[in-house]
């Protein structure tokens, strides 16, 4: 499934702070912790808790969020389907990065081992 320019623009302009509470709710409702969520986000983006909170407080868009990120070199190992899109087929880099994050949050919520989520084994 190919993303449309409108879809890509909608993701770019989405405020990270508006989505983050949904990530927290999703993982906590499945027995995982906010700390584990922070660990996953830090692995993907390089943002520690303090920097992440600053970005949330500043109400940055996903575009700004990922422009400031230092994406983990192993992020390219994240694949599969999320939100109806096969990650490895997404052409827009920002949309792909946002779906990387969605996929990691989904894996965390589904109880996957942290070593697998962080692509260390």
PDB file of N, CA and C in Angstrom:
ATOM      1  N   UNK A   1       0.843  -1.179   0.000  1.00  0.00           N
ATOM      2  CA  UNK A   1       0.000   0.000   0.000  1.00  0.00           C
ATOM      3  C   UNK A   1       0.889   1.243   0.000  1.00  0.00           C
ATOM      4  N   UNK A   2       0.694   2.104  -0.960  1.00  0.00           N
ATOM      5  CA  UNK A   2       1.519   3.300  -1.112  1.00  0.00           C
ATOM      6  C   UNK A   2       0.878   4.460  -0.350  1.00  0.00           C
ATOM      7  N   UNK A   3       1.710   5.237   0.331  1.00  0.00           N
ATOM      8  CA  UNK A   3       1.185   6.404   1.041  1.00  0.00           C
ATOM      9  C   UNK A   3       0.917   7.521   0.033  1.00  0.00           C
ATOM     10  N   UNK A   4      -0.014   8.384   0.368  1.00  0.00           N
ATOM     11  CA  UNK A   4      -0.319   9.529  -0.489  1.00  0.00           C
ATOM     12  C   UNK A   4       0.402  10.760   0.050  1.00  0.00           C
ATOM     13  N   UNK A   5       0.585  11.769  -0.787  1.00  0.00           N
ATOM     14  CA  UNK A   5       1.199  13.010  -0.290  1.00  0.00           C
ATOM     15  C   UNK A   5       0.404  13.614   0.878  1.00  0.00           C
ATOM     16  N   UNK A   6      -0.902  13.488   0.836  1.00  0.00           N
ATOM     17  CA  UNK A   6      -1.749  14.014   1.912  1.00  0.00           C
ATOM     18  C   UNK A   6      -1.489  13.256   3.218  1.00  0.00           C
ATOM     19  N   UNK A   7      -1.355  11.954   3.111  1.00  0.00           N
ATOM     20  CA  UNK A   7      -1.062  11.120   4.279  1.00  0.00           C
ATOM     21  C   UNK A   7       0.288  11.508   4.873  1.00  0.00           C
ATOM     22  N   UNK A   8       1.291  11.653   4.017  1.00  0.00           N
ATOM     23  CA  UNK A   8       2.633  12.032   4.464  1.00  0.00           C
ATOM     24  C   UNK A   8       2.623  13.401   5.135  1.00  0.00           C
ATOM     25  N   UNK A   9       1.881  14.338   4.576  1.00  0.00           N
ATOM     26  CA  UNK A   9       1.792  15.696   5.137  1.00  0.00           C
ATOM     27  C   UNK A   9       1.090  15.670   6.498  1.00  0.00           C
ATOM     28  N   UNK A  10       0.049  14.852   6.609  1.00  0.00           N
ATOM     29  CA  UNK A  10      -0.684  14.748   7.875  1.00  0.00           C
ATOM     30  C   UNK A  10       0.247  14.229   8.982  1.00  0.00           C
ATOM     31  N   UNK A  11       1.066  13.240   8.678  1.00  0.00           N
ATOM     32  CA  UNK A  11       2.015  12.718   9.663  1.00  0.00           C
ATOM     33  C   UNK A  11       3.051  13.783  10.021  1.00  0.00           C
ATOM     34  N   UNK A  12       3.557  14.483   9.012  1.00  0.00           N
ATOM     35  CA  UNK A  12       4.587  15.513   9.249  1.00  0.00           C
ATOM     36  C   UNK A  12       4.083  16.592  10.205  1.00  0.00           C
ATOM     37  N   UNK A  13       2.825  16.974  10.084  1.00  0.00           N
ATOM     38  CA  UNK A  13       2.276  18.083  10.876  1.00  0.00           C
ATOM     39  C   UNK A  13       1.679  17.641  12.210  1.00  0.00           C
ATOM     40  N   UNK A  14       1.592  16.342  12.430  1.00  0.00           N
ATOM     41  CA  UNK A  14       1.050  15.818  13.683  1.00  0.00           C
ATOM     42  C   UNK A  14       1.960  16.227  14.845  1.00  0.00           C
ATOM     43  N   UNK A  15       1.359  16.667  15.929  1.00  0.00           N
ATOM     44  CA  UNK A  15       2.128  17.080  17.109  1.00  0.00           C
ATOM     45  C   UNK A  15       2.479  15.834  17.922  1.00  0.00           C
ATOM     46  N   UNK A  16       3.771  15.627  18.157  1.00  0.00           N
ATOM     47  CA  UNK A  16       4.216  14.443  18.890  1.00  0.00           C
ATOM     48  C   UNK A  16       3.551  14.355  20.261  1.00  0.00           C
ATOM     49  N   UNK A  17       3.425  15.493  20.947  1.00  0.00           N
ATOM     50  CA  UNK A  17       2.829  15.511  22.291  1.00  0.00           C
ATOM     51  C   UNK A  17       1.380  15.019  22.288  1.00  0.00           C
ATOM     52  N   UNK A  18       0.703  15.122  21.155  1.00  0.00           N
ATOM     53  CA  UNK A  18      -0.690  14.655  21.097  1.00  0.00           C
ATOM     54  C   UNK A  18      -0.757  13.138  20.940  1.00  0.00           C
ATOM     55  N   UNK A  19       0.311  12.523  20.463  1.00  0.00           N
ATOM     56  CA  UNK A  19       0.333  11.081  20.232  1.00  0.00           C
ATOM     57  C   UNK A  19       0.985  10.332  21.395  1.00  0.00           C
ATOM     58  N   UNK A  20       1.960  10.952  22.028  1.00  0.00           N
ATOM     59  CA  UNK A  20       2.718  10.296  23.090  1.00  0.00           C
ATOM     60  C   UNK A  20       1.837   9.682  24.190  1.00  0.00           C
ATOM     61  N   UNK A  21       0.815  10.402  24.697  1.00  0.00           N
ATOM     62  CA  UNK A  21      -0.041   9.791  25.736  1.00  0.00           C
ATOM     63  C   UNK A  21      -0.722   8.497  25.254  1.00  0.00           C
ATOM     64  N   UNK A  22      -1.007   8.421  23.958  1.00  0.00           N
ATOM     65  CA  UNK A  22      -1.620   7.206  23.407  1.00  0.00           C
ATOM     66  C   UNK A  22      -0.613   6.054  23.416  1.00  0.00           C
ATOM     67  N   UNK A  23       0.655   6.360  23.152  1.00  0.00           N
ATOM     68  CA  UNK A  23       1.700   5.339  23.246  1.00  0.00           C
ATOM     69  C   UNK A  23       1.779   4.812  24.678  1.00  0.00           C
ATOM     70  N   UNK A  24       1.771   5.741  25.636  1.00  0.00           N
ATOM     71  CA  UNK A  24       1.861   5.361  27.054  1.00  0.00           C
ATOM     72  C   UNK A  24       0.674   4.478  27.435  1.00  0.00           C
ATOM     73  N   UNK A  25      -0.515   4.905  27.085  1.00  0.00           N
ATOM     74  CA  UNK A  25      -1.724   4.141  27.396  1.00  0.00           C
ATOM     75  C   UNK A  25      -1.665   2.746  26.780  1.00  0.00           C
ATOM     76  N   UNK A  26      -1.235   2.686  25.535  1.00  0.00           N
ATOM     77  CA  UNK A  26      -1.177   1.402  24.830  1.00  0.00           C
ATOM     78  C   UNK A  26      -0.240   0.427  25.533  1.00  0.00           C
ATOM     79  N   UNK A  27       0.962   0.875  25.869  1.00  0.00           N
ATOM     80  CA  UNK A  27       1.919  -0.056  26.477  1.00  0.00           C
ATOM     81  C   UNK A  27       1.536  -0.395  27.909  1.00  0.00           C
ATOM     82  N   UNK A  28       1.058   0.593  28.669  1.00  0.00           N
ATOM     83  CA  UNK A  28       0.687   0.323  30.066  1.00  0.00           C
ATOM     84  C   UNK A  28      -0.533  -0.585  30.166  1.00  0.00           C
ATOM     85  N   UNK A  29      -1.463  -0.461  29.220  1.00  0.00           N
ATOM     86  CA  UNK A  29      -2.654  -1.322  29.261  1.00  0.00           C
ATOM     87  C   UNK A  29      -2.296  -2.782  28.986  1.00  0.00           C
ATOM     88  N   UNK A  30      -1.124  -2.999  28.421  1.00  0.00           N
ATOM     89  CA  UNK A  30      -0.667  -4.361  28.130  1.00  0.00           C
ATOM     90  C   UNK A  30       0.405  -4.831  29.108  1.00  0.00           C
ATOM     91  N   UNK A  31       0.562  -4.086  30.220  1.00  0.00           N
ATOM     92  CA  UNK A  31       1.471  -4.533  31.269  1.00  0.00           C
ATOM     93  C   UNK A  31       2.915  -4.089  31.112  1.00  0.00           C
ATOM     94  N   UNK A  32       3.186  -3.215  30.155  1.00  0.00           N
ATOM     95  CA  UNK A  32       4.547  -2.693  30.002  1.00  0.00           C
ATOM     96  C   UNK A  32       4.611  -1.331  30.703  1.00  0.00           C
ATOM     97  N   UNK A  33       5.806  -0.755  30.785  1.00  0.00           N
ATOM     98  CA  UNK A  33       5.968   0.481  31.549  1.00  0.00           C
ATOM     99  C   UNK A  33       6.355   1.661  30.661  1.00  0.00           C
ATOM    100  N   UNK A  34       6.140   2.845  31.231  1.00  0.00           N
ATOM    101  CA  UNK A  34       6.552   4.072  30.559  1.00  0.00           C
ATOM    102  C   UNK A  34       8.075   4.097  30.414  1.00  0.00           C
ATOM    103  N   UNK A  35       8.772   3.536  31.382  1.00  0.00           N
ATOM    104  CA  UNK A  35      10.243   3.453  31.310  1.00  0.00           C
ATOM    105  C   UNK A  35      10.676   2.626  30.093  1.00  0.00           C
ATOM    106  N   UNK A  36       9.981   1.513  29.857  1.00  0.00           N
ATOM    107  CA  UNK A  36      10.309   0.690  28.687  1.00  0.00           C
ATOM    108  C   UNK A  36      10.028   1.466  27.399  1.00  0.00           C
ATOM    109  N   UNK A  37       8.935   2.225  27.393  1.00  0.00           N
ATOM    110  CA  UNK A  37       8.616   3.058  26.239  1.00  0.00           C
ATOM    111  C   UNK A  37       9.727   4.073  26.001  1.00  0.00           C
ATOM    112  N   UNK A  38      10.194   4.716  27.070  1.00  0.00           N
ATOM    113  CA  UNK A  38      11.298   5.677  26.936  1.00  0.00           C
ATOM    114  C   UNK A  38      12.544   4.994  26.375  1.00  0.00           C
ATOM    115  N   UNK A  39      12.806   3.772  26.827  1.00  0.00           N
ATOM    116  CA  UNK A  39      13.968   3.025  26.353  1.00  0.00           C
ATOM    117  C   UNK A  39      13.875   2.777  24.844  1.00  0.00           C
ATOM    118  N   UNK A  40      12.691   2.411  24.382  1.00  0.00           N
ATOM    119  CA  UNK A  40      12.467   2.146  22.962  1.00  0.00           C
ATOM    120  C   UNK A  40      12.638   3.441  22.149  1.00  0.00           C
ATOM    121  N   UNK A  41      12.066   4.528  22.640  1.00  0.00           N
ATOM    122  CA  UNK A  41      12.174   5.807  21.926  1.00  0.00           C
ATOM    123  C   UNK A  41      13.625   6.277  21.893  1.00  0.00           C
ATOM    124  N   UNK A  42      14.325   6.116  23.012  1.00  0.00           N
ATOM    125  CA  UNK A  42      15.729   6.522  23.044  1.00  0.00           C
ATOM    126  C   UNK A  42      16.562   5.680  22.081  1.00  0.00           C
ATOM    127  N   UNK A  43      16.289   4.385  22.012  1.00  0.00           N
ATOM    128  CA  UNK A  43      17.022   3.529  21.076  1.00  0.00           C
ATOM    129  C   UNK A  43      16.828   4.021  19.645  1.00  0.00           C
ATOM    130  N   UNK A  44      15.590   4.333  19.281  1.00  0.00           N
ATOM    131  CA  UNK A  44      15.293   4.738  17.902  1.00  0.00           C
ATOM    132  C   UNK A  44      15.827   6.133  17.582  1.00  0.00           C
ATOM    133  N   UNK A  45      15.653   7.081  18.514  1.00  0.00           N
ATOM    134  CA  UNK A  45      15.901   8.497  18.199  1.00  0.00           C
ATOM    135  C   UNK A  45      17.146   9.097  18.836  1.00  0.00           C
ATOM    136  N   UNK A  46      17.625   8.477  19.899  1.00  0.00           N
ATOM    137  CA  UNK A  46      18.737   9.059  20.644  1.00  0.00           C
ATOM    138  C   UNK A  46      18.293  10.041  21.713  1.00  0.00           C
ATOM    139  N   UNK A  47      16.991  10.292  21.846  1.00  0.00           N
ATOM    140  CA  UNK A  47      16.480  11.243  22.838  1.00  0.00           C
ATOM    141  C   UNK A  47      16.398  10.604  24.216  1.00  0.00           C
ATOM    142  N   UNK A  48      17.108  11.168  25.189  1.00  0.00           N
ATOM    143  CA  UNK A  48      16.948  10.707  26.564  1.00  0.00           C
ATOM    144  C   UNK A  48      15.639  11.279  27.121  1.00  0.00           C
ATOM    145  N   UNK A  49      15.297  10.894  28.350  1.00  0.00           N
ATOM    146  CA  UNK A  49      14.027  11.315  28.957  1.00  0.00           C
ATOM    147  C   UNK A  49      13.891  12.834  28.996  1.00  0.00           C
ATOM    148  N   UNK A  50      14.967  13.516  29.360  1.00  0.00           N
ATOM    149  CA  UNK A  50      14.930  14.975  29.477  1.00  0.00           C
ATOM    150  C   UNK A  50      14.674  15.638  28.117  1.00  0.00           C
ATOM    151  N   UNK A  51      15.389  15.203  27.087  1.00  0.00           N
ATOM    152  CA  UNK A  51      15.213  15.764  25.746  1.00  0.00           C
ATOM    153  C   UNK A  51      13.823  15.442  25.219  1.00  0.00           C
ATOM    154  N   UNK A  52      13.361  14.225  25.464  1.00  0.00           N
ATOM    155  CA  UNK A  52      12.025  13.826  25.028  1.00  0.00           C
ATOM    156  C   UNK A  52      10.970  14.731  25.666  1.00  0.00           C
ATOM    157  N   UNK A  53      11.123  14.990  26.971  1.00  0.00           N
ATOM    158  CA  UNK A  53      10.156  15.847  27.669  1.00  0.00           C
ATOM    159  C   UNK A  53      10.188  17.271  27.111  1.00  0.00           C
ATOM    160  N   UNK A  54      11.372  17.758  26.764  1.00  0.00           N
ATOM    161  CA  UNK A  54      11.482  19.097  26.161  1.00  0.00           C
ATOM    162  C   UNK A  54      10.723  19.150  24.838  1.00  0.00           C
ATOM    163  N   UNK A  55      10.881  18.131  24.018  1.00  0.00           N
ATOM    164  CA  UNK A  55      10.182  18.079  22.732  1.00  0.00           C
ATOM    165  C   UNK A  55       8.671  18.008  22.931  1.00  0.00           C
ATOM    166  N   UNK A  56       8.240  17.271  23.947  1.00  0.00           N
ATOM    167  CA  UNK A  56       6.814  17.193  24.263  1.00  0.00           C
ATOM    168  C   UNK A  56       6.313  18.556  24.730  1.00  0.00           C
ATOM    169  N   UNK A  57       7.058  19.192  25.643  1.00  0.00           N
ATOM    170  CA  UNK A  57       6.672  20.512  26.158  1.00  0.00           C
ATOM    171  C   UNK A  57       6.620  21.561  25.049  1.00  0.00           C
ATOM    172  N   UNK A  58       7.534  21.446  24.082  1.00  0.00           N
ATOM    173  CA  UNK A  58       7.593  22.401  22.966  1.00  0.00           C
ATOM    174  C   UNK A  58       6.552  22.115  21.888  1.00  0.00           C
ATOM    175  N   UNK A  59       5.827  21.018  22.058  1.00  0.00           N
ATOM    176  CA  UNK A  59       4.777  20.622  21.113  1.00  0.00           C
ATOM    177  C   UNK A  59       5.282  20.575  19.660  1.00  0.00           C
ATOM    178  N   UNK A  60       6.416  19.891  19.479  1.00  0.00           N
ATOM    179  CA  UNK A  60       6.988  19.781  18.146  1.00  0.00           C
ATOM    180  C   UNK A  60       6.172  18.828  17.278  1.00  0.00           C
ATOM    181  N   UNK A  61       6.254  19.045  15.983  1.00  0.00           N
ATOM    182  CA  UNK A  61       5.608  18.147  15.025  1.00  0.00           C
ATOM    183  C   UNK A  61       6.473  16.894  14.851  1.00  0.00           C
ATOM    184  N   UNK A  62       5.897  15.864  14.245  1.00  0.00           N
ATOM    185  CA  UNK A  62       6.684  14.669  13.936  1.00  0.00           C
ATOM    186  C   UNK A  62       7.842  15.040  13.013  1.00  0.00           C
ATOM    187  N   UNK A  63       7.611  15.993  12.119  1.00  0.00           N
ATOM    188  CA  UNK A  63       8.671  16.429  11.210  1.00  0.00           C
ATOM    189  C   UNK A  63       9.862  16.976  11.999  1.00  0.00           C
ATOM    190  N   UNK A  64       9.611  17.856  12.946  1.00  0.00           N
ATOM    191  CA  UNK A  64      10.677  18.412  13.780  1.00  0.00           C
ATOM    192  C   UNK A  64      11.283  17.337  14.663  1.00  0.00           C
ATOM    193  N   UNK A  65      10.434  16.502  15.250  1.00  0.00           N
ATOM    194  CA  UNK A  65      10.876  15.424  16.121  1.00  0.00           C
ATOM    195  C   UNK A  65      11.926  14.560  15.416  1.00  0.00           C
ATOM    196  N   UNK A  66      11.608  14.105  14.212  1.00  0.00           N
ATOM    197  CA  UNK A  66      12.530  13.213  13.514  1.00  0.00           C
ATOM    198  C   UNK A  66      13.698  13.965  12.868  1.00  0.00           C
ATOM    199  N   UNK A  67      13.517  15.249  12.555  1.00  0.00           N
ATOM    200  CA  UNK A  67      14.651  16.044  12.055  1.00  0.00           C
ATOM    201  C   UNK A  67      15.718  16.204  13.134  1.00  0.00           C
ATOM    202  N   UNK A  68      15.305  16.267  14.397  1.00  0.00           N
ATOM    203  CA  UNK A  68      16.236  16.425  15.515  1.00  0.00           C
ATOM    204  C   UNK A  68      16.823  15.080  15.973  1.00  0.00           C
ATOM    205  N   UNK A  69      16.209  13.990  15.554  1.00  0.00           N
ATOM    206  CA  UNK A  69      16.629  12.657  16.002  1.00  0.00           C
ATOM    207  C   UNK A  69      17.908  12.194  15.299  1.00  0.00           C
ATOM    208  N   UNK A  70      18.644  11.359  16.009  1.00  0.00           N
ATOM    209  CA  UNK A  70      19.780  10.641  15.408  1.00  0.00           C
ATOM    210  C   UNK A  70      19.322   9.187  15.324  1.00  0.00           C
ATOM    211  N   UNK A  71      18.725   8.852  14.194  1.00  0.00           N
ATOM    212  CA  UNK A  71      18.101   7.541  14.041  1.00  0.00           C
ATOM    213  C   UNK A  71      19.130   6.415  14.199  1.00  0.00           C
ATOM    214  N   UNK A  72      18.754   5.413  14.971  1.00  0.00           N
ATOM    215  CA  UNK A  72      19.622   4.262  15.197  1.00  0.00           C
ATOM    216  C   UNK A  72      19.920   3.592  13.846  1.00  0.00           C
ATOM    217  N   UNK A  73      21.187   3.260  13.579  1.00  0.00           N
ATOM    218  CA  UNK A  73      21.524   2.610  12.310  1.00  0.00           C
ATOM    219  C   UNK A  73      20.782   1.289  12.095  1.00  0.00           C
ATOM    220  N   UNK A  74      20.387   0.623  13.179  1.00  0.00           N
ATOM    221  CA  UNK A  74      19.649  -0.637  13.047  1.00  0.00           C
ATOM    222  C   UNK A  74      18.155  -0.433  12.818  1.00  0.00           C
ATOM    223  N   UNK A  75      17.711   0.810  12.737  1.00  0.00           N
ATOM    224  CA  UNK A  75      16.288   1.064  12.484  1.00  0.00           C
ATOM    225  C   UNK A  75      15.848   0.432  11.173  1.00  0.00           C
ATOM    226  N   UNK A  76      16.767   0.336  10.232  1.00  0.00           N
ATOM    227  CA  UNK A  76      16.418  -0.263   8.934  1.00  0.00           C
ATOM    228  C   UNK A  76      16.013  -1.737   9.058  1.00  0.00           C
ATOM    229  N   UNK A  77      16.311  -2.342  10.208  1.00  0.00           N
ATOM    230  CA  UNK A  77      15.913  -3.733  10.450  1.00  0.00           C
ATOM    231  C   UNK A  77      14.442  -3.855  10.864  1.00  0.00           C
ATOM    232  N   UNK A  78      13.794  -2.725  11.129  1.00  0.00           N
ATOM    233  CA  UNK A  78      12.376  -2.732  11.514  1.00  0.00           C
ATOM    234  C   UNK A  78      11.559  -2.922  10.246  1.00  0.00           C
ATOM    235  N   UNK A  79      10.781  -3.980  10.213  1.00  0.00           N
ATOM    236  CA  UNK A  79       9.954  -4.226   9.037  1.00  0.00           C
ATOM    237  C   UNK A  79       8.628  -4.836   9.452  1.00  0.00           C
ATOM    238  N   UNK A  80       7.801  -5.102   8.481  1.00  0.00           N
ATOM    239  CA  UNK A  80       6.485  -5.659   8.753  1.00  0.00           C
ATOM    240  C   UNK A  80       5.401  -4.653   8.441  1.00  0.00           C
ATOM    241  N   UNK A  81       4.185  -4.981   8.825  1.00  0.00           N
ATOM    242  CA  UNK A  81       3.036  -4.137   8.522  1.00  0.00           C
ATOM    243  C   UNK A  81       2.586  -3.417   9.784  1.00  0.00           C
ATOM    244  N   UNK A  82       2.350  -2.127   9.650  1.00  0.00           N
ATOM    245  CA  UNK A  82       1.804  -1.322  10.751  1.00  0.00           C
ATOM    246  C   UNK A  82       0.839  -0.307  10.141  1.00  0.00           C
ATOM    247  N   UNK A  83      -0.321  -0.190  10.728  1.00  0.00           N
ATOM    248  CA  UNK A  83      -1.352   0.745  10.252  1.00  0.00           C
ATOM    249  C   UNK A  83      -1.681   0.508   8.768  1.00  0.00           C
ATOM    250  N   UNK A  84      -1.599  -0.746   8.344  1.00  0.00           N
ATOM    251  CA  UNK A  84      -1.953  -1.087   6.970  1.00  0.00           C
ATOM    252  C   UNK A  84      -0.855  -0.855   5.946  1.00  0.00           C
ATOM    253  N   UNK A  85       0.317  -0.437   6.393  1.00  0.00           N
ATOM    254  CA  UNK A  85       1.421  -0.163   5.472  1.00  0.00           C
ATOM    255  C   UNK A  85       2.597  -1.093   5.773  1.00  0.00           C
ATOM    256  N   UNK A  86       3.204  -1.639   4.725  1.00  0.00           N
ATOM    257  CA  UNK A  86       4.421  -2.426   4.880  1.00  0.00           C
ATOM    258  C   UNK A  86       5.571  -1.430   4.979  1.00  0.00           C
ATOM    259  N   UNK A  87       6.221  -1.410   6.140  1.00  0.00           N
ATOM    260  CA  UNK A  87       7.234  -0.401   6.445  1.00  0.00           C
ATOM    261  C   UNK A  87       8.322  -0.333   5.382  1.00  0.00           C
ATOM    262  N   UNK A  88       8.826  -1.476   4.964  1.00  0.00           N
ATOM    263  CA  UNK A  88       9.939  -1.470   4.021  1.00  0.00           C
ATOM    264  C   UNK A  88       9.563  -0.942   2.639  1.00  0.00           C
ATOM    265  N   UNK A  89       8.263  -0.761   2.363  1.00  0.00           N
ATOM    266  CA  UNK A  89       7.816  -0.228   1.077  1.00  0.00           C
ATOM    267  C   UNK A  89       7.472   1.261   1.138  1.00  0.00           C
ATOM    268  N   UNK A  90       7.505   1.852   2.316  1.00  0.00           N
ATOM    269  CA  UNK A  90       7.182   3.275   2.440  1.00  0.00           C
ATOM    270  C   UNK A  90       8.340   4.095   1.875  1.00  0.00           C
ATOM    271  N   UNK A  91       8.033   4.985   0.932  1.00  0.00           N
ATOM    272  CA  UNK A  91       9.073   5.755   0.256  1.00  0.00           C
ATOM    273  C   UNK A  91       9.422   7.050   0.986  1.00  0.00           C
ATOM    274  N   UNK A  92       8.446   7.702   1.591  1.00  0.00           N
ATOM    275  CA  UNK A  92       8.697   8.974   2.273  1.00  0.00           C
ATOM    276  C   UNK A  92       9.476   8.716   3.559  1.00  0.00           C
ATOM    277  N   UNK A  93      10.683   9.292   3.686  1.00  0.00           N
ATOM    278  CA  UNK A  93      11.526   9.002   4.867  1.00  0.00           C
ATOM    279  C   UNK A  93      10.865   9.350   6.205  1.00  0.00           C
ATOM    280  N   UNK A  94      10.176  10.470   6.291  1.00  0.00           N
ATOM    281  CA  UNK A  94       9.534  10.858   7.542  1.00  0.00           C
ATOM    282  C   UNK A  94       8.411   9.900   7.908  1.00  0.00           C
ATOM    283  N   UNK A  95       7.591   9.545   6.950  1.00  0.00           N
ATOM    284  CA  UNK A  95       6.506   8.598   7.197  1.00  0.00           C
ATOM    285  C   UNK A  95       7.082   7.256   7.636  1.00  0.00           C
ATOM    286  N   UNK A  96       8.173   6.834   7.000  1.00  0.00           N
ATOM    287  CA  UNK A  96       8.822   5.572   7.373  1.00  0.00           C
ATOM    288  C   UNK A  96       9.307   5.640   8.819  1.00  0.00           C
ATOM    289  N   UNK A  97       9.926   6.756   9.212  1.00  0.00           N
ATOM    290  CA  UNK A  97      10.430   6.907  10.575  1.00  0.00           C
ATOM    291  C   UNK A  97       9.288   6.885  11.591  1.00  0.00           C
ATOM    292  N   UNK A  98       8.188   7.553  11.270  1.00  0.00           N
ATOM    293  CA  UNK A  98       7.027   7.554  12.163  1.00  0.00           C
ATOM    294  C   UNK A  98       6.475   6.135  12.314  1.00  0.00           C
ATOM    295  N   UNK A  99       6.464   5.381  11.231  1.00  0.00           N
ATOM    296  CA  UNK A  99       5.973   4.003  11.285  1.00  0.00           C
ATOM    297  C   UNK A  99       6.957   3.090  12.010  1.00  0.00           C
ATOM    298  N   UNK A 100       8.257   3.399  11.949  1.00  0.00           N
ATOM    299  CA  UNK A 100       9.221   2.665  12.771  1.00  0.00           C
ATOM    300  C   UNK A 100       8.815   2.781  14.239  1.00  0.00           C
ATOM    301  N   UNK A 101       8.534   4.008  14.657  1.00  0.00           N
ATOM    302  CA  UNK A 101       8.160   4.241  16.057  1.00  0.00           C
ATOM    303  C   UNK A 101       6.860   3.514  16.392  1.00  0.00           C
ATOM    304  N   UNK A 102       5.873   3.612  15.515  1.00  0.00           N
ATOM    305  CA  UNK A 102       4.604   2.906  15.734  1.00  0.00           C
ATOM    306  C   UNK A 102       4.832   1.402  15.889  1.00  0.00           C
ATOM    307  N   UNK A 103       5.693   0.852  15.051  1.00  0.00           N
ATOM    308  CA  UNK A 103       5.960  -0.584  15.079  1.00  0.00           C
ATOM    309  C   UNK A 103       6.642  -0.986  16.392  1.00  0.00           C
ATOM    310  N   UNK A 104       7.614  -0.174  16.852  1.00  0.00           N
ATOM    311  CA  UNK A 104       8.287  -0.483  18.107  1.00  0.00           C
ATOM    312  C   UNK A 104       7.319  -0.429  19.288  1.00  0.00           C
ATOM    313  N   UNK A 105       6.453   0.571  19.298  1.00  0.00           N
ATOM    314  CA  UNK A 105       5.451   0.686  20.367  1.00  0.00           C
ATOM    315  C   UNK A 105       4.514  -0.512  20.321  1.00  0.00           C
ATOM    316  N   UNK A 106       4.123  -0.908  19.133  1.00  0.00           N
ATOM    317  CA  UNK A 106       3.243  -2.069  18.965  1.00  0.00           C
ATOM    318  C   UNK A 106       3.917  -3.348  19.476  1.00  0.00           C
ATOM    319  N   UNK A 107       5.179  -3.525  19.131  1.00  0.00           N
ATOM    320  CA  UNK A 107       5.908  -4.710  19.594  1.00  0.00           C
ATOM    321  C   UNK A 107       6.033  -4.718  21.116  1.00  0.00           C
ATOM    322  N   UNK A 108       6.279  -3.556  21.698  1.00  0.00           N
ATOM    323  CA  UNK A 108       6.368  -3.442  23.158  1.00  0.00           C
ATOM    324  C   UNK A 108       5.038  -3.837  23.791  1.00  0.00           C
ATOM    325  N   UNK A 109       3.949  -3.300  23.254  1.00  0.00           N
ATOM    326  CA  UNK A 109       2.621  -3.597  23.791  1.00  0.00           C
ATOM    327  C   UNK A 109       2.255  -5.074  23.637  1.00  0.00           C
ATOM    328  N   UNK A 110       2.773  -5.707  22.608  1.00  0.00           N
ATOM    329  CA  UNK A 110       2.455  -7.116  22.374  1.00  0.00           C
ATOM    330  C   UNK A 110       3.317  -8.056  23.214  1.00  0.00           C
ATOM    331  N   UNK A 111       4.202  -7.485  24.039  1.00  0.00           N
ATOM    332  CA  UNK A 111       4.970  -8.308  24.951  1.00  0.00           C
ATOM    333  C   UNK A 111       6.259  -8.873  24.382  1.00  0.00           C
ATOM    334  N   UNK A 112       6.689  -8.355  23.261  1.00  0.00           N
ATOM    335  CA  UNK A 112       7.942  -8.834  22.671  1.00  0.00           C
ATOM    336  C   UNK A 112       9.107  -8.515  23.602  1.00  0.00           C
ATOM    337  N   UNK A 113      10.099  -9.379  23.623  1.00  0.00           N
ATOM    338  CA  UNK A 113      11.270  -9.163  24.474  1.00  0.00           C
ATOM    339  C   UNK A 113      12.022  -7.920  24.013  1.00  0.00           C
ATOM    340  N   UNK A 114      12.532  -7.158  24.987  1.00  0.00           N
ATOM    341  CA  UNK A 114      13.216  -5.902  24.693  1.00  0.00           C
ATOM    342  C   UNK A 114      14.407  -6.119  23.753  1.00  0.00           C
ATOM    343  N   UNK A 115      15.129  -7.230  23.905  1.00  0.00           N
ATOM    344  CA  UNK A 115      16.283  -7.500  23.029  1.00  0.00           C
ATOM    345  C   UNK A 115      15.843  -7.594  21.561  1.00  0.00           C
ATOM    346  N   UNK A 116      14.671  -8.153  21.338  1.00  0.00           N
ATOM    347  CA  UNK A 116      14.145  -8.286  19.973  1.00  0.00           C
ATOM    348  C   UNK A 116      13.670  -6.928  19.452  1.00  0.00           C
ATOM    349  N   UNK A 117      12.981  -6.168  20.305  1.00  0.00           N
ATOM    350  CA  UNK A 117      12.482  -4.854  19.908  1.00  0.00           C
ATOM    351  C   UNK A 117      13.646  -3.951  19.500  1.00  0.00           C
ATOM    352  N   UNK A 118      14.713  -3.999  20.281  1.00  0.00           N
ATOM    353  CA  UNK A 118      15.863  -3.124  20.047  1.00  0.00           C
ATOM    354  C   UNK A 118      16.840  -3.717  19.032  1.00  0.00           C
ATOM    355  N   UNK A 119      16.427  -4.781  18.386  1.00  0.00           N
ATOM    356  CA  UNK A 119      17.204  -5.403  17.305  1.00  0.00           C
ATOM    357  C   UNK A 119      18.640  -5.680  17.715  1.00  0.00           C
ATOM    358  N   UNK A 120      18.814  -6.245  18.941  1.00  0.00           N
ATOM    359  CA  UNK A 120      20.151  -6.553  19.420  1.00  0.00           C
ATOM    360  C   UNK A 120      20.502  -8.018  19.218  1.00  0.00           C
ATOM    361  N   UNK A 121      19.497  -8.845  18.944  1.00  0.00           N
ATOM    362  CA  UNK A 121      19.780 -10.266  18.708  1.00  0.00           C
ATOM    363  C   UNK A 121      19.137 -10.739  17.428  1.00  0.00           C
TER     364      UNK A 121
END
